[in-house]
Amino acid sequence: MTVMARQAGRHRAASAAVLGILAAGALSSLPHASAAEEPPAPSRARLEQMDQAIRAGQFKKITSVVVAQRGSIVHEAYFGGADATTLLDTRSATKTVTGMLVGIAIDKGKLSGVSSPILPFFPEKQPVQNPDPRKAKITVEDFLTMSSLLECDDWNSFSRGNEERMYLVEDWVQFTLDLPIKGFPPWATKPKDSPHGRSFSYCTAGVFTLGAVLSKATGMPVERFARENLFDPIGIGEVQWPFSPLGLAQTGGGLSVTGRDLVKLGQLFLRRGAWNGKRILSESWIDASTRPHARIGDETEYGYLWWLRSFGSGEKKFAAYLMSGNGGNKIAVFPQLDLVVVIASNNYNTAGMHQQTDRLLTDYVLRSLEH
C-alpha cells in the first residue's frame, strides 16, 4: 500500500468515526444537516477541494474547519491529528467570550453597565502607579472596545502595556492599573478626531482585567460563571482555561474549546441570544456588541470584542463579525448568509497567518455557496 493510500484510509476512518459520533447525538443542540438540506454537489465539491488543499500543504497548520448554515453543520474536517473532540486553543478568540460574559453579567444585574468605572472594583490595588485623574474615568466599555487611555498596545513591542511584559509579573491586574496614560504624537489620531470618538489600541491586559471585574461583580470565579451561565446552557462541554500566576482565569486569550462548541458561540449570536427557547443574552447586547465602536483601519472596525469587516466572493461582499486569535484562528458569523465558520490553526506568530484563513473563507467557503 502506498503512503497516499494509507493516508486516505486513515482519513476515511477518521471521517467514519466523526459521523458515528454525530449519529450518536453528541451535537443534538446543533444538528448536522440531513442529506436533503446539504448544499448541492458543486458546493460540496468546493469544500472538498479546500480539504484537499489543506492536506496538500497549501495552507499551513490548519487544524479544523467547521461550517454551519441555517443552524446545521454542513461541513466538518480536521487535520494534523485533530478531531471533533480536540480542544482548540484559538488564543485571543477568548476575548469575545469575555465580552459575552460581561453582557450576561449586565443582563443579570450583577454589573451596572458598560459605563461602570474600573478602579472602584480594586480598592486593594490602590494607590496605583502613574496616578492620573483620567484613570478614574476608564470604564468597562473602554476595555470592551480596546480604547482606554492606558498606554497599552500589544502590536507595539515598545509599549509599556505590551502583553509580553505583563506575563513577566505576578499580578496582572496591578500591572494594568499601574500603566501610564498614553500620549498622542503629532502623527497619531486623537480620540476626539477618530470615528466613533475612540482611538483603538489592542490591549490584552485590559481584557484580562475585565475578567477580574467579572469575578468581583458576580462573586464567583470567571470559569464558574461562564460554566453556569453560558457553557452549560448552550451545551458546551469540556473547556480548558489558562490562569494567571495568582489563579485568575486568563480572559484575554488561550481558552481551548472544540470546533463544534465554537460554532455554538457564533450560533448563539445568529439566534439573537436565545438557545432552545431560553434567553442567554439580551438582544440589546447582541446589537451593541456587533455595532462599530472603534475604527481599526479602512476595512475593519471593532465592536465589543468582536471584529467587524466584510469578506468577498467574486464581486459580492458579505458583512461578518468575528472572533479572532493569533495563528489565524477565526470564528466568523455572517448574518446575511445565516452562516458560522470556524477555522482553527496553530500557525502562531507567523507572517501571513490571518491572510491564509481569509483565503479559506473567501476562495472556498463563501464560493461554495454560489449557485
Protein backbone atom coordinates (compact mmCIF):
# COMPACT_ATOMS: atom_id res chain seq x y z
CA MET A 1 0.00 0.00 0.00
CA THR A 2 1.37 3.44 -0.91
CA VAL A 3 1.81 6.23 1.62
CA MET A 4 -1.01 8.15 -0.07
CA ALA A 5 -3.30 5.16 0.12
CA ARG A 6 -2.57 4.68 3.80
CA GLN A 7 -3.24 8.37 4.45
CA ALA A 8 -6.53 8.17 2.52
CA GLY A 9 -7.52 5.12 4.51
CA ARG A 10 -6.81 6.91 7.79
CA HIS A 11 -8.82 9.91 6.58
CA ARG A 12 -11.81 7.69 5.68
CA ALA A 13 -11.59 6.02 9.07
CA ALA A 14 -11.46 9.39 10.86
CA SER A 15 -14.45 10.61 8.84
CA ALA A 16 -16.38 7.49 9.72
CA ALA A 17 -15.57 8.00 13.39
CA VAL A 18 -16.80 11.59 13.25
CA LEU A 19 -20.04 10.54 11.57
CA GLY A 20 -20.51 7.88 14.22
CA ILE A 21 -20.20 10.48 16.96
CA LEU A 22 -22.74 12.69 15.21
CA ALA A 23 -25.14 9.81 14.72
CA ALA A 24 -24.97 9.18 18.45
CA GLY A 25 -26.38 12.66 19.03
CA ALA A 26 -23.27 14.29 20.51
CA LEU A 27 -24.31 17.56 18.87
CA SER A 28 -28.04 17.37 19.44
CA SER A 29 -28.45 21.10 20.04
CA LEU A 30 -26.67 21.95 16.78
CA PRO A 31 -27.56 19.10 14.35
CA HIS A 32 -25.89 18.21 11.10
CA ALA A 33 -27.92 18.87 8.02
CA SER A 34 -29.83 15.98 6.52
CA ALA A 35 -28.85 14.82 3.07
CA ALA A 36 -31.73 16.81 1.58
CA GLU A 37 -30.54 20.00 3.27
CA GLU A 38 -26.87 19.74 2.28
CA PRO A 39 -25.54 22.06 -0.42
CA PRO A 40 -25.69 20.74 -3.99
CA ALA A 41 -22.78 18.74 -5.38
CA PRO A 42 -20.79 21.72 -6.75
CA SER A 43 -20.80 23.31 -3.31
CA ARG A 44 -19.69 20.10 -1.65
CA ALA A 45 -17.01 19.74 -4.28
CA ARG A 46 -15.62 23.18 -3.48
CA LEU A 47 -15.38 22.37 0.21
CA GLU A 48 -13.73 19.06 -0.58
CA GLN A 49 -11.23 20.95 -2.73
CA MET A 50 -10.48 23.09 0.34
CA ASP A 51 -9.79 19.99 2.42
CA GLN A 52 -7.51 18.62 -0.29
CA ALA A 53 -5.60 21.91 -0.49
CA ILE A 54 -5.08 21.91 3.28
CA ARG A 55 -3.86 18.30 3.28
CA ALA A 56 -1.54 19.10 0.38
CA GLY A 57 0.16 21.75 2.48
CA GLN A 58 -1.11 24.76 0.56
CA PHE A 59 -2.42 26.13 3.89
CA LYS A 60 -0.13 25.72 6.89
CA LYS A 61 -1.04 24.27 10.29
CA ILE A 62 -4.81 24.33 9.88
CA THR A 63 -6.34 22.02 12.48
CA SER A 64 -10.07 22.24 11.75
CA VAL A 65 -12.75 23.77 9.56
CA VAL A 66 -16.38 23.58 10.65
CA VAL A 67 -19.14 25.22 8.60
CA ALA A 68 -22.72 25.62 9.81
CA GLN A 69 -25.58 27.16 7.87
CA ARG A 70 -29.19 27.62 9.00
CA GLY A 71 -28.27 26.05 12.33
CA SER A 72 -26.89 22.81 10.89
CA ILE A 73 -23.33 21.71 10.33
CA VAL A 74 -22.83 21.23 6.59
CA HIS A 75 -19.08 20.56 6.57
CA GLU A 76 -16.56 19.43 9.15
CA ALA A 77 -12.91 18.48 8.61
CA TYR A 78 -9.89 18.03 10.88
CA PHE A 79 -6.20 18.00 10.12
CA GLY A 80 -2.83 17.36 11.71
CA GLY A 81 -4.09 14.81 14.21
CA ALA A 82 -7.05 16.89 15.47
CA ASP A 83 -10.58 15.52 15.58
CA ALA A 84 -14.03 16.53 16.79
CA THR A 85 -13.00 16.07 20.43
CA THR A 86 -9.80 18.14 20.23
CA LEU A 87 -9.75 21.25 22.41
CA LEU A 88 -8.54 24.03 20.15
CA ASP A 89 -6.50 26.91 21.55
CA THR A 90 -7.80 29.78 19.46
CA ARG A 91 -5.86 32.33 21.52
CA SER A 92 -7.49 35.77 21.51
CA ALA A 93 -10.83 34.48 20.27
CA THR A 94 -11.25 34.08 24.05
CA LYS A 95 -11.67 37.85 24.29
CA THR A 96 -15.02 37.66 22.54
CA VAL A 97 -16.20 35.06 25.07
CA THR A 98 -15.26 37.55 27.78
CA GLY A 99 -17.46 40.12 26.08
CA MET A 100 -20.35 37.66 26.15
CA LEU A 101 -19.84 37.09 29.88
CA VAL A 102 -19.82 40.85 30.51
CA GLY A 103 -23.15 41.07 28.67
CA ILE A 104 -24.63 38.24 30.73
CA ALA A 105 -23.46 39.90 33.97
CA ILE A 106 -25.12 43.17 32.90
CA ASP A 107 -28.31 41.39 31.84
CA LYS A 108 -28.47 39.69 35.24
CA GLY A 109 -27.89 42.95 37.13
CA LYS A 110 -24.54 41.81 38.50
CA LEU A 111 -22.79 44.66 36.71
CA SER A 112 -24.47 48.03 36.40
CA GLY A 113 -23.49 48.62 32.77
CA VAL A 114 -20.70 49.37 30.33
CA SER A 115 -20.21 52.82 31.88
CA SER A 116 -19.08 51.23 35.17
CA PRO A 117 -15.63 52.59 36.10
CA ILE A 118 -12.88 50.01 36.58
CA LEU A 119 -10.90 51.39 39.54
CA PRO A 120 -13.62 51.07 42.23
CA PHE A 121 -13.58 47.29 41.79
CA PHE A 122 -9.99 47.17 43.07
CA PRO A 123 -9.58 49.24 46.25
CA GLU A 124 -6.91 46.77 47.41
CA LYS A 125 -4.75 47.66 44.39
CA GLN A 126 -4.67 51.39 45.18
CA PRO A 127 -2.90 53.73 45.17
CA VAL A 128 -1.77 52.87 41.67
CA GLN A 129 1.42 53.92 39.96
CA ASN A 130 1.39 56.74 37.42
CA PRO A 131 -1.63 58.40 39.08
CA ASP A 132 -3.82 60.45 36.78
CA PRO A 133 -7.42 61.62 37.22
CA ARG A 134 -8.24 60.17 33.80
CA LYS A 135 -7.67 56.67 35.16
CA ALA A 136 -10.75 57.04 37.34
CA LYS A 137 -12.81 57.58 34.16
CA ILE A 138 -11.72 54.33 32.47
CA THR A 139 -14.81 52.15 32.07
CA VAL A 140 -15.84 48.62 31.19
CA GLU A 141 -16.72 49.90 27.72
CA ASP A 142 -13.21 51.26 27.25
CA PHE A 143 -11.80 47.75 27.71
CA LEU A 144 -14.56 46.15 25.63
CA THR A 145 -13.65 48.43 22.72
CA MET A 146 -9.83 48.41 23.12
CA SER A 147 -9.88 52.16 23.52
CA SER A 148 -8.88 53.03 27.07
CA LEU A 149 -6.32 55.79 27.54
CA LEU A 150 -3.85 53.41 29.15
CA GLU A 151 -0.54 53.08 27.33
CA CYS A 152 -1.19 49.51 26.28
CA ASP A 153 -0.56 48.19 22.78
CA ASP A 154 0.25 44.55 22.03
CA TRP A 155 1.04 45.49 18.45
CA ASN A 156 3.91 47.72 19.60
CA SER A 157 6.86 45.92 21.18
CA PHE A 158 7.91 49.18 22.85
CA SER A 159 4.58 49.67 24.62
CA ARG A 160 4.66 49.66 28.42
CA GLY A 161 1.47 47.64 28.38
CA ASN A 162 2.51 45.02 25.80
CA GLU A 163 1.18 41.66 26.97
CA GLU A 164 4.63 40.06 26.93
CA ARG A 165 5.64 42.44 29.73
CA MET A 166 2.53 41.50 31.70
CA TYR A 167 3.44 37.83 31.67
CA LEU A 168 6.71 38.61 33.46
CA VAL A 169 5.00 39.84 36.63
CA GLU A 170 2.75 38.06 39.11
CA ASP A 171 -0.19 40.43 39.49
CA TRP A 172 -1.64 41.12 36.05
CA VAL A 173 -4.44 43.36 37.31
CA GLN A 174 -1.96 45.54 39.16
CA PHE A 175 0.17 45.63 36.02
CA THR A 176 -2.79 47.02 34.09
CA LEU A 177 -3.89 49.60 36.64
CA ASP A 178 -0.32 50.85 37.08
CA LEU A 179 0.16 51.66 33.38
CA PRO A 180 0.64 55.34 32.46
CA ILE A 181 -1.80 57.32 30.36
CA LYS A 182 -0.68 57.24 26.75
CA GLY A 183 0.34 60.24 24.71
CA PHE A 184 -0.62 61.02 21.14
CA PRO A 185 2.29 62.07 18.90
CA PRO A 186 1.56 64.52 16.08
CA TRP A 187 1.01 61.72 13.54
CA ALA A 188 -1.50 59.82 15.72
CA THR A 189 -5.24 60.43 15.60
CA LYS A 190 -6.67 61.52 18.93
CA PRO A 191 -9.95 60.03 20.17
CA LYS A 192 -11.91 63.23 19.57
CA ASP A 193 -10.86 63.16 15.92
CA SER A 194 -11.47 59.43 15.46
CA PRO A 195 -14.55 57.73 14.06
CA HIS A 196 -16.85 56.82 16.96
CA GLY A 197 -14.76 59.07 19.25
CA ARG A 198 -12.35 56.30 20.27
CA SER A 199 -8.73 55.53 19.46
CA PHE A 200 -8.19 51.76 19.05
CA SER A 201 -5.18 50.13 20.73
CA TYR A 202 -5.07 46.34 21.05
CA CYS A 203 -4.66 45.57 24.77
CA THR A 204 -4.83 42.05 26.22
CA ALA A 205 -4.14 43.37 29.72
CA GLY A 206 -7.38 45.34 29.67
CA VAL A 207 -9.45 42.28 28.72
CA PHE A 208 -7.77 40.21 31.43
CA THR A 209 -8.70 42.92 33.91
CA LEU A 210 -12.29 42.74 32.64
CA GLY A 211 -12.25 39.13 33.80
CA ALA A 212 -11.20 40.25 37.26
CA VAL A 213 -14.05 42.80 37.21
CA LEU A 214 -16.46 39.98 36.33
CA SER A 215 -15.24 37.91 39.26
CA LYS A 216 -15.69 40.83 41.64
CA ALA A 217 -19.14 41.75 40.27
CA THR A 218 -20.54 38.21 40.25
CA GLY A 219 -18.87 36.97 43.43
CA MET A 220 -17.50 33.85 41.74
CA PRO A 221 -14.54 32.79 39.58
CA VAL A 222 -14.98 33.57 35.90
CA GLU A 223 -14.71 29.92 34.92
CA ARG A 224 -17.66 29.04 37.16
CA PHE A 225 -19.75 32.00 35.98
CA ALA A 226 -19.05 31.01 32.37
CA ARG A 227 -19.96 27.38 33.01
CA GLU A 228 -23.24 28.13 34.76
CA ASN A 229 -24.44 31.00 32.57
CA LEU A 230 -23.03 30.35 29.10
CA PHE A 231 -21.38 26.99 28.52
CA ASP A 232 -23.90 24.66 30.17
CA PRO A 233 -26.99 26.47 28.82
CA ILE A 234 -25.85 26.08 25.19
CA GLY A 235 -24.37 22.62 25.59
CA ILE A 236 -20.66 23.38 25.53
CA GLY A 237 -18.72 20.50 27.05
CA GLU A 238 -15.15 20.42 28.32
CA VAL A 239 -13.05 23.56 28.04
CA GLN A 240 -9.62 24.46 29.36
CA TRP A 241 -8.81 27.89 30.78
CA PRO A 242 -5.27 29.16 31.29
CA PHE A 243 -4.70 31.01 34.57
CA SER A 244 -2.57 33.91 35.80
CA PRO A 245 0.10 33.36 38.46
CA LEU A 246 -2.46 34.47 41.06
CA GLY A 247 -5.05 31.97 39.83
CA LEU A 248 -7.38 34.20 37.79
CA ALA A 249 -8.75 32.86 34.50
CA GLN A 250 -6.93 34.40 31.55
CA THR A 251 -9.90 36.05 29.88
CA GLY A 252 -7.61 37.71 27.35
CA GLY A 253 -6.66 34.54 25.49
CA GLY A 254 -5.94 30.84 25.47
CA LEU A 255 -9.32 29.27 26.24
CA SER A 256 -9.45 25.88 24.50
CA VAL A 257 -12.79 24.68 23.06
CA THR A 258 -13.82 22.09 20.47
CA GLY A 259 -14.64 23.20 16.95
CA ARG A 260 -18.30 22.27 17.29
CA ASP A 261 -18.63 24.22 20.53
CA LEU A 262 -17.03 27.25 18.90
CA VAL A 263 -19.78 27.04 16.28
CA LYS A 264 -22.35 27.20 19.09
CA LEU A 265 -20.90 30.50 20.33
CA GLY A 266 -21.36 32.02 16.87
CA GLN A 267 -24.78 30.43 16.50
CA LEU A 268 -25.89 31.99 19.79
CA PHE A 269 -25.44 35.42 18.20
CA LEU A 270 -27.22 34.37 15.00
CA ARG A 271 -30.11 33.25 17.22
CA ARG A 272 -30.19 36.71 18.77
CA GLY A 273 -29.04 35.45 22.17
CA ALA A 274 -31.65 32.69 22.61
CA TRP A 275 -30.98 28.96 22.79
CA ASN A 276 -33.66 26.26 22.76
CA GLY A 277 -36.23 28.77 23.97
CA LYS A 278 -34.07 30.11 26.79
CA ARG A 279 -32.70 33.65 26.84
CA ILE A 280 -28.89 33.58 27.31
CA LEU A 281 -28.02 37.11 26.15
CA SER A 282 -30.32 40.07 25.57
CA GLU A 283 -30.94 41.17 22.01
CA SER A 284 -29.78 44.65 23.01
CA TRP A 285 -26.39 43.18 23.96
CA ILE A 286 -26.16 41.31 20.64
CA ASP A 287 -26.80 44.60 18.81
CA ALA A 288 -24.38 46.62 20.94
CA SER A 289 -21.65 44.01 20.64
CA THR A 290 -21.76 43.82 16.86
CA ARG A 291 -22.11 47.56 16.22
CA PRO A 292 -18.94 49.58 15.43
CA HIS A 293 -17.46 51.38 18.44
CA ALA A 294 -13.89 51.93 17.21
CA ARG A 295 -12.15 52.09 13.84
CA ILE A 296 -9.11 49.87 13.25
CA GLY A 297 -8.46 50.51 9.57
CA ASP A 298 -10.13 51.30 6.29
CA GLU A 299 -11.83 47.89 6.14
CA THR A 300 -12.11 46.85 9.79
CA GLU A 301 -13.99 48.19 12.79
CA TYR A 302 -14.43 46.88 16.32
CA GLY A 303 -17.48 46.18 18.44
CA TYR A 304 -17.50 44.81 21.97
CA LEU A 305 -14.54 42.46 21.50
CA TRP A 306 -15.85 41.46 18.04
CA TRP A 307 -14.01 42.29 14.82
CA LEU A 308 -16.26 43.78 12.13
CA ARG A 309 -15.44 43.52 8.44
CA SER A 310 -16.65 42.18 5.10
CA PHE A 311 -15.40 39.28 3.02
CA GLY A 312 -15.73 38.97 -0.72
CA SER A 313 -16.54 36.10 -3.03
CA GLY A 314 -16.19 37.27 -6.59
CA GLU A 315 -17.90 40.63 -6.89
CA LYS A 316 -20.06 40.06 -3.80
CA LYS A 317 -19.15 41.08 -0.27
CA PHE A 318 -20.76 39.86 2.91
CA ALA A 319 -20.61 41.60 6.28
CA ALA A 320 -19.30 39.50 9.16
CA TYR A 321 -18.40 39.77 12.81
CA LEU A 322 -15.53 37.66 14.02
CA MET A 323 -13.80 36.15 16.99
CA SER A 324 -10.13 36.22 16.06
CA GLY A 325 -6.89 34.93 17.54
CA ASN A 326 -3.17 34.51 16.92
CA GLY A 327 -2.39 31.84 14.38
CA GLY A 328 -5.14 32.93 12.03
CA ASN A 329 -7.89 31.50 14.21
CA LYS A 330 -11.34 32.76 13.22
CA ILE A 331 -14.93 32.16 14.16
CA ALA A 332 -16.78 34.15 11.50
CA VAL A 333 -20.50 34.91 11.68
CA PHE A 334 -22.30 36.01 8.50
CA PRO A 335 -25.85 37.13 9.43
CA GLN A 336 -26.89 37.67 5.81
CA LEU A 337 -25.99 34.06 5.00
CA ASP A 338 -27.11 32.52 8.31
CA LEU A 339 -23.59 31.10 8.39
CA VAL A 340 -20.97 30.34 11.05
CA VAL A 341 -17.47 29.29 10.03
CA VAL A 342 -14.79 28.04 12.42
CA ILE A 343 -11.23 27.91 11.11
CA ALA A 344 -8.72 26.83 13.73
CA SER A 345 -4.97 26.94 13.27
CA ASN A 346 -1.83 26.67 15.38
CA ASN A 347 0.15 28.76 12.92
CA TYR A 348 1.07 31.08 15.80
CA ASN A 349 3.29 34.17 15.47
CA THR A 350 3.76 33.64 11.74
CA ALA A 351 3.59 36.20 8.95
CA GLY A 352 0.51 35.80 6.78
CA MET A 353 -1.37 33.64 9.29
CA HIS A 354 -4.59 35.65 9.05
CA GLN A 355 -4.32 36.13 5.31
CA GLN A 356 -4.37 32.37 4.73
CA THR A 357 -7.52 31.85 6.76
CA ASP A 358 -9.08 34.80 4.93
CA ARG A 359 -8.34 32.92 1.70
CA LEU A 360 -10.03 29.80 3.04
CA LEU A 361 -13.10 31.90 3.84
CA THR A 362 -13.29 33.75 0.54
CA ASP A 363 -11.91 31.28 -2.01
CA TYR A 364 -13.58 28.16 -0.66
CA VAL A 365 -16.29 28.59 1.98
CA LEU A 366 -18.07 31.62 0.53
CA ARG A 367 -17.56 30.44 -3.00
CA SER A 368 -19.07 27.08 -2.11
CA LEU A 369 -22.35 28.89 -1.51
CA GLU A 370 -22.55 30.28 -5.03
CA HIS A 371 -25.20 28.56 -7.11
